[in-house]
Amino acid sequence: MIEKMYIPENPNEVLKIALEMEEEGYRTYTEGARSIRNSLGKRMLERLAQDELSHMKRIREVFDVLTGKQEWNNIVIHPTQESVTFQNIFDRLKNELKQSVEELGSHGVNDEEVIETAINLENHAKFYYAETAKKSKDDKVKEFLLILAKEEEGHYQALRNINNFMSDPANWFATQGKF
């Protein structure tokens, strides 16, 4: 049986659910970063947790606009920092790569579970934002939701990439490893 996702039409409710999803993502990534052994996976989760904080801040600002506490021209709906991609994190961690590869042999079952949980969260968020954007009657809210959907897609792809790297680094290097 396929579970149907509830997609509200009221923008305030859309943002309330979005905020709850981002808070759950932040908790999951923070806890995952504490438990994962692989340093590359740990850095990825730490960065994703920071992105979730950024999403929460921006969602609250859009909510403030909708409730009349803020004006659109006083907020930034686009991300203010470089997007998370596996390659960005990989490039920053080249010096630690040898250690990450060595850790692959000693990582626990939880490493894969943590990354799989993160993949599922990002996929759910991406779908939610894309679907709520389709229903949005407010062009600015729609634009904001599409921006979030695109960011979540980037997170999703980065996590899938790190999952592939962690499960088979030799194959990953042979097919996509870039220096």
Protein backbone atom coordinates (compact mmCIF):
# COMPACT_ATOMS: atom_id res chain seq x y z
CA MET A 1 0.00 0.00 0.00
CA ILE A 2 1.38 3.42 -0.97
CA GLU A 3 1.18 6.05 1.72
CA LYS A 4 -0.35 9.27 0.45
CA MET A 5 1.35 12.47 1.55
CA TYR A 6 -0.86 15.21 2.95
CA ILE A 7 -0.35 18.40 0.95
CA PRO A 8 -2.09 21.37 2.60
CA GLU A 9 -3.31 24.33 0.56
CA ASN A 10 -3.00 26.97 3.29
CA PRO A 11 0.49 28.52 3.02
CA ASN A 12 0.78 28.91 6.80
CA GLU A 13 0.11 25.20 7.24
CA VAL A 14 2.55 24.37 4.44
CA LEU A 15 5.26 26.32 6.26
CA LYS A 16 4.37 24.80 9.65
CA ILE A 17 4.84 21.30 8.24
CA ALA A 18 8.00 22.42 6.42
CA LEU A 19 9.44 23.75 9.68
CA GLU A 20 8.65 20.48 11.45
CA MET A 21 10.37 18.52 8.64
CA GLU A 22 13.47 20.72 8.80
CA GLU A 23 13.62 20.41 12.61
CA GLU A 24 13.42 16.62 12.28
CA GLY A 25 16.16 16.72 9.65
CA TYR A 26 18.35 18.85 11.92
CA ARG A 27 17.90 16.42 14.83
CA THR A 28 18.55 13.41 12.61
CA TYR A 29 21.69 14.89 11.04
CA THR A 30 23.07 16.11 14.35
CA GLU A 31 22.56 12.72 15.99
CA GLY A 32 23.88 10.93 12.90
CA ALA A 33 27.02 13.08 12.82
CA ARG A 34 27.70 12.10 16.43
CA SER A 35 27.32 8.38 15.76
CA ILE A 36 28.81 7.87 12.29
CA ARG A 37 32.42 6.71 12.16
CA ASN A 38 33.34 7.70 8.62
CA SER A 39 34.75 11.26 8.63
CA LEU A 40 33.43 12.10 5.16
CA GLY A 41 29.92 10.99 6.17
CA LYS A 42 30.28 12.91 9.42
CA ARG A 43 31.22 16.13 7.61
CA MET A 44 28.35 15.68 5.17
CA LEU A 45 25.83 15.29 8.01
CA GLU A 46 27.26 18.26 9.91
CA ARG A 47 26.90 20.41 6.81
CA LEU A 48 23.37 19.19 6.16
CA ALA A 49 22.46 20.04 9.77
CA GLN A 50 23.69 23.59 9.13
CA ASP A 51 21.62 23.76 5.96
CA GLU A 52 18.54 22.65 7.90
CA LEU A 53 19.12 25.58 10.29
CA SER A 54 19.27 27.90 7.27
CA HIS A 55 16.05 26.40 5.92
CA MET A 56 14.32 26.88 9.29
CA LYS A 57 15.40 30.53 9.46
CA ARG A 58 14.17 31.23 5.94
CA ILE A 59 10.86 29.38 6.54
CA ARG A 60 10.26 31.48 9.66
CA GLU A 61 10.98 34.66 7.68
CA VAL A 62 8.50 33.71 4.95
CA PHE A 63 5.94 32.88 7.65
CA ASP A 64 6.52 36.34 9.13
CA VAL A 65 5.80 37.86 5.72
CA LEU A 66 2.57 35.90 5.42
CA THR A 67 1.46 36.99 8.88
CA GLY A 68 2.29 40.65 8.24
CA LYS A 69 5.31 40.88 10.57
CA GLN A 70 7.82 41.27 7.74
CA GLU A 71 7.99 42.54 4.15
CA TRP A 72 9.17 40.43 1.19
CA ASN A 73 11.87 42.94 0.32
CA ASN A 74 13.40 42.55 3.82
CA ILE A 75 14.08 38.81 3.57
CA VAL A 76 16.35 36.58 1.51
CA ILE A 77 14.66 33.44 0.20
CA HIS A 78 17.69 32.16 -1.71
CA PRO A 79 20.50 30.36 0.15
CA THR A 80 23.32 32.61 1.30
CA GLN A 81 26.03 29.96 1.18
CA GLU A 82 27.40 27.45 -1.28
CA SER A 83 25.08 24.50 -1.83
CA VAL A 84 25.93 21.12 -0.38
CA THR A 85 27.19 18.67 -2.93
CA PHE A 86 29.26 15.59 -2.43
CA GLN A 87 31.96 17.10 -4.66
CA ASN A 88 32.14 20.32 -2.58
CA ILE A 89 32.62 18.37 0.63
CA PHE A 90 34.91 15.87 -1.07
CA ASP A 91 37.10 18.68 -2.42
CA ARG A 92 37.41 20.23 1.03
CA LEU A 93 38.36 16.91 2.57
CA LYS A 94 40.95 15.63 0.10
CA ASN A 95 43.59 15.77 2.81
CA GLU A 96 41.47 13.51 4.98
CA LEU A 97 40.50 11.17 2.14
CA LYS A 98 43.06 8.51 3.00
CA GLN A 99 41.71 8.38 6.53
CA SER A 100 38.13 8.17 5.21
CA VAL A 101 39.00 5.27 2.93
CA GLU A 102 40.77 3.48 5.79
CA GLU A 103 37.72 4.01 7.99
CA LEU A 104 35.49 2.30 5.45
CA GLY A 105 36.76 -1.07 6.59
CA SER A 106 35.90 -0.29 10.21
CA HIS A 107 32.62 1.56 9.89
CA GLY A 108 29.63 0.15 11.67
CA VAL A 109 26.30 -0.94 10.31
CA ASN A 110 24.90 2.34 11.63
CA ASP A 111 26.86 4.34 9.06
CA GLU A 112 24.79 2.97 6.19
CA GLU A 113 21.59 3.25 8.23
CA VAL A 114 22.31 6.88 9.08
CA ILE A 115 22.96 7.78 5.44
CA GLU A 116 19.88 5.83 4.26
CA THR A 117 17.72 7.66 6.80
CA ALA A 118 19.11 10.96 5.58
CA ILE A 119 18.45 10.00 1.95
CA ASN A 120 14.84 9.18 2.80
CA LEU A 121 14.36 12.47 4.68
CA GLU A 122 15.73 14.51 1.80
CA ASN A 123 13.65 12.66 -0.76
CA HIS A 124 10.50 13.23 1.30
CA ALA A 125 11.29 16.93 1.75
CA LYS A 126 12.07 17.37 -1.96
CA PHE A 127 8.74 15.82 -2.90
CA TYR A 128 6.82 17.83 -0.29
CA TYR A 129 8.24 21.16 -1.44
CA ALA A 130 7.68 20.39 -5.12
CA GLU A 131 4.08 19.29 -4.53
CA THR A 132 3.21 22.24 -2.26
CA ALA A 133 4.74 24.63 -4.80
CA LYS A 134 2.38 23.23 -7.45
CA LYS A 135 -0.60 24.12 -5.22
CA SER A 136 0.65 27.51 -4.10
CA LYS A 137 -1.39 30.48 -5.24
CA ASP A 138 1.22 32.98 -4.03
CA ASP A 139 4.03 33.39 -6.57
CA LYS A 140 6.65 34.32 -3.96
CA VAL A 141 5.75 31.36 -1.74
CA LYS A 142 5.83 29.12 -4.82
CA GLU A 143 9.30 30.44 -5.73
CA PHE A 144 10.52 29.85 -2.18
CA LEU A 145 9.18 26.28 -2.11
CA LEU A 146 10.81 25.51 -5.47
CA ILE A 147 14.12 26.86 -4.15
CA LEU A 148 13.83 24.54 -1.15
CA ALA A 149 12.91 21.61 -3.41
CA LYS A 150 16.03 22.25 -5.49
CA GLU A 151 18.23 22.44 -2.38
CA GLU A 152 16.74 19.20 -1.06
CA GLU A 153 17.41 17.56 -4.44
CA GLY A 154 21.05 18.60 -4.10
CA HIS A 155 21.20 17.12 -0.61
CA TYR A 156 19.56 13.93 -1.85
CA GLN A 157 22.07 13.54 -4.69
CA ALA A 158 25.01 14.30 -2.40
CA LEU A 159 23.85 11.67 0.10
CA ARG A 160 23.34 9.07 -2.62
CA ASN A 161 26.85 9.82 -3.85
CA ILE A 162 28.38 9.46 -0.39
CA ASN A 163 26.43 6.26 0.13
CA ASN A 164 27.91 4.86 -3.10
CA PHE A 165 31.37 6.00 -2.03
CA MET A 166 31.06 4.40 1.41
CA SER A 167 29.73 1.08 0.11
CA ASP A 168 32.26 0.66 -2.73
CA PRO A 169 35.04 3.27 -2.82
CA ALA A 170 37.01 1.46 -5.54
CA ASN A 171 34.03 1.47 -7.89
CA TRP A 172 33.22 5.06 -6.96
CA PHE A 173 36.75 6.19 -7.86
CA ALA A 174 36.66 4.21 -11.09
CA THR A 175 33.35 5.70 -12.22
CA GLN A 176 33.18 9.23 -10.79
CA GLY A 177 36.07 10.08 -8.54
CA LYS A 178 37.45 13.48 -9.47
CA PHE A 179 40.46 15.30 -8.18
